Amino acid sequence: MKFNILRKSMATLFVLAFMVLLTGCPYSSSVPIDEGTAKVPSGLEGKWLTTGDEENKNPTYFTISKDDKFHATATKMEYSTSDSTYNQTIYHLTFSDVGNEIFMNALAEGETNYNLYKFVFDEKNGQISTSEVTDYIKETFSTSKELKEFILKNKSNSYFFTNTTDTYVRK
């Protein structure tokens, strides 16, 4: 009896997690917001994991390294239970100042579209917060200037970001 309840609960949890995964995609753009107008924050380099994964035996985490003053590389390490190893995805990051708020352009290696996030780094508390730009935006942009103007005009609207803010702490 307990086994059936546990099995049904796990199946329900899996379906919910899968739905969140499918609906939680950020807006992607063929152009970055700009080529880098905000410096990579000092203290950003290192290993970071989500606050919810702190107690996990094999958490997903990011290792961030600085390339130059406006660019960084993040390596996402995700544990695969099927082969008991970590798989990596490399992201090239550019930081953009849009109306005194920092946005992060993330380009996965081998991809052509940038994912866009509002980015807040609290060096004092050792936390990073990211908010995804919603994928409900249907406009497309052929230049970074057009994209940046659109973000500046709309970033204060309630629909502009997804409902989820991810918080990361230093590992």
Protein backbone atom coordinates (compact mmCIF):
# COMPACT_ATOMS: atom_id res chain seq x y z
CA MET A 1 0.00 0.00 0.00
CA LYS A 2 2.74 2.48 0.97
CA PHE A 3 4.71 1.47 -2.12
CA ASN A 4 1.78 2.35 -4.45
CA ILE A 5 1.30 5.74 -2.82
CA LEU A 6 5.01 6.45 -3.09
CA ARG A 7 5.09 5.35 -6.72
CA LYS A 8 2.08 7.52 -7.62
CA SER A 9 3.59 10.49 -5.78
CA MET A 10 6.90 10.09 -7.63
CA ALA A 11 5.09 9.85 -10.98
CA THR A 12 3.11 13.01 -10.23
CA LEU A 13 6.25 14.83 -9.14
CA PHE A 14 8.05 13.76 -12.32
CA VAL A 15 5.20 15.04 -14.54
CA LEU A 16 5.14 18.39 -12.69
CA ALA A 17 8.91 18.76 -12.98
CA PHE A 18 8.73 17.97 -16.69
CA MET A 19 5.97 20.56 -17.21
CA VAL A 20 8.01 23.21 -15.41
CA LEU A 21 11.00 22.33 -17.56
CA LEU A 22 8.98 22.77 -20.76
CA THR A 23 7.27 26.01 -19.71
CA GLY A 24 10.31 27.65 -18.13
CA CYS A 25 12.21 28.55 -21.28
CA PRO A 26 13.54 32.09 -21.48
CA TYR A 27 13.20 34.35 -24.49
CA SER A 28 15.93 33.74 -27.01
CA SER A 29 17.34 36.20 -29.51
CA SER A 30 19.59 35.88 -32.53
CA VAL A 31 21.41 39.03 -31.39
CA PRO A 32 22.77 39.94 -27.94
CA ILE A 33 21.52 43.04 -26.11
CA ASP A 34 24.95 44.52 -26.84
CA GLU A 35 28.56 43.38 -27.00
CA GLY A 36 29.15 44.17 -23.33
CA THR A 37 28.47 47.46 -21.54
CA ALA A 38 28.60 46.16 -17.96
CA LYS A 39 31.78 44.78 -16.48
CA VAL A 40 31.88 41.24 -15.16
CA PRO A 41 31.48 41.74 -11.40
CA SER A 42 34.59 41.08 -9.35
CA GLY A 43 33.99 38.08 -7.14
CA LEU A 44 31.79 36.32 -9.71
CA GLU A 45 34.36 33.68 -10.57
CA GLY A 46 33.91 30.34 -8.84
CA LYS A 47 31.36 27.56 -8.31
CA TRP A 48 27.67 28.37 -7.83
CA LEU A 49 24.61 26.23 -7.14
CA THR A 50 20.92 26.98 -6.68
CA THR A 51 19.77 27.48 -3.12
CA GLY A 52 17.45 24.47 -3.47
CA ASP A 53 20.33 22.14 -4.39
CA GLU A 54 22.54 22.86 -1.37
CA GLU A 55 21.66 19.57 0.36
CA ASN A 56 21.66 17.47 -2.82
CA LYS A 57 24.30 14.72 -3.02
CA ASN A 58 25.00 15.45 -6.71
CA PRO A 59 23.77 19.00 -7.33
CA THR A 60 23.71 20.84 -10.62
CA TYR A 61 26.23 23.66 -10.40
CA PHE A 62 27.93 26.32 -12.50
CA THR A 63 31.61 27.18 -12.66
CA ILE A 64 32.16 30.75 -13.83
CA SER A 65 35.43 32.14 -15.15
CA LYS A 66 36.17 35.64 -16.42
CA ASP A 67 37.30 35.95 -20.07
CA ASP A 68 37.81 39.73 -20.10
CA LYS A 69 36.20 42.71 -18.40
CA PHE A 70 32.85 42.30 -20.26
CA HIS A 71 32.70 38.52 -20.93
CA ALA A 72 32.70 35.34 -18.89
CA THR A 73 32.26 31.62 -19.44
CA ALA A 74 29.93 29.47 -17.35
CA THR A 75 30.14 25.70 -17.36
CA LYS A 76 26.93 24.02 -16.20
CA MET A 77 27.52 20.63 -14.60
CA GLU A 78 24.44 18.38 -14.44
CA TYR A 79 24.54 14.97 -12.83
CA SER A 80 23.22 12.12 -14.96
CA THR A 81 21.73 9.31 -12.90
CA SER A 82 21.73 6.99 -15.93
CA ASP A 83 25.53 6.88 -16.19
CA SER A 84 26.51 8.37 -12.79
CA THR A 85 28.60 11.16 -14.33
CA TYR A 86 28.36 14.90 -14.75
CA ASN A 87 27.48 16.28 -18.19
CA GLN A 88 28.62 19.78 -19.04
CA THR A 89 27.17 22.62 -21.07
CA ILE A 90 29.30 25.68 -21.76
CA TYR A 91 27.75 29.15 -21.93
CA HIS A 92 29.41 32.32 -23.15
CA LEU A 93 28.16 35.27 -21.10
CA THR A 94 28.00 38.95 -21.96
CA PHE A 95 26.75 41.54 -19.46
CA SER A 96 24.71 44.51 -20.62
CA ASP A 97 23.63 47.69 -18.84
CA VAL A 98 20.04 48.53 -19.77
CA GLY A 99 18.76 51.59 -17.94
CA ASN A 100 21.01 50.95 -14.90
CA GLU A 101 19.98 47.30 -14.63
CA ILE A 102 22.28 44.46 -15.61
CA PHE A 103 21.17 41.83 -18.11
CA MET A 104 23.06 38.68 -18.97
CA ASN A 105 23.20 37.31 -22.51
CA ALA A 106 23.90 33.57 -22.36
CA LEU A 107 24.93 31.74 -25.52
CA ALA A 108 25.26 27.96 -25.20
CA GLU A 109 28.27 26.62 -27.08
CA GLY A 110 27.17 25.36 -30.50
CA GLU A 111 23.92 27.38 -30.40
CA THR A 112 23.05 30.53 -32.33
CA ASN A 113 20.47 32.16 -30.03
CA TYR A 114 21.08 34.06 -26.80
CA ASN A 115 18.97 33.47 -23.69
CA LEU A 116 18.35 36.70 -21.81
CA TYR A 117 18.20 37.19 -18.03
CA LYS A 118 18.02 40.09 -15.62
CA PHE A 119 21.12 39.62 -13.48
CA VAL A 120 21.73 40.73 -9.90
CA PHE A 121 24.99 39.93 -8.10
CA ASP A 122 25.13 40.56 -4.36
CA GLU A 123 28.83 40.21 -3.63
CA LYS A 124 28.40 41.00 0.08
CA ASN A 125 25.96 38.08 0.62
CA GLY A 126 27.54 35.84 -2.02
CA GLN A 127 24.38 35.45 -4.10
CA ILE A 128 23.40 35.65 -7.75
CA SER A 129 19.78 36.14 -8.80
CA THR A 130 18.56 35.67 -12.34
CA SER A 131 15.12 36.36 -13.80
CA GLU A 132 14.35 34.99 -17.24
CA VAL A 133 12.97 37.30 -19.89
CA THR A 134 9.67 35.63 -20.78
CA ASP A 135 9.30 33.63 -23.98
CA TYR A 136 5.87 35.23 -24.51
CA ILE A 137 7.61 38.04 -26.38
CA LYS A 138 6.88 37.47 -30.06
CA GLU A 139 8.96 40.31 -31.49
CA THR A 140 12.20 39.46 -33.22
CA PHE A 141 15.14 41.82 -33.62
CA SER A 142 17.76 42.06 -36.33
CA THR A 143 20.04 44.43 -34.40
CA SER A 144 21.22 44.70 -30.83
CA LYS A 145 20.14 48.34 -30.80
CA GLU A 146 16.49 47.38 -31.54
CA LEU A 147 16.55 44.69 -28.84
CA LYS A 148 18.08 46.98 -26.23
CA GLU A 149 15.51 49.73 -26.93
CA PHE A 150 12.69 47.17 -26.62
CA ILE A 151 14.02 45.91 -23.27
CA LEU A 152 14.49 49.46 -21.96
CA LYS A 153 10.90 50.29 -22.90
CA ASN A 154 9.32 47.08 -21.50
CA LYS A 155 11.47 45.81 -18.61
CA SER A 156 9.20 47.43 -16.00
CA ASN A 157 6.08 45.63 -17.30
CA SER A 158 4.81 42.74 -15.18
CA TYR A 159 4.75 40.32 -18.11
CA PHE A 160 8.37 40.92 -19.13
CA PHE A 161 9.91 38.27 -16.85
CA THR A 162 8.84 34.75 -15.95
CA ASN A 163 7.46 34.22 -12.44
CA THR A 164 10.61 32.42 -11.35
CA THR A 165 13.76 34.00 -9.98
CA ASP A 166 16.68 31.61 -9.55
CA THR A 167 19.06 32.28 -6.68
CA TYR A 168 22.56 30.83 -6.60
CA VAL A 169 25.05 30.66 -3.75
CA ARG A 170 28.77 30.04 -3.80
CA LYS A 171 29.65 26.35 -3.48
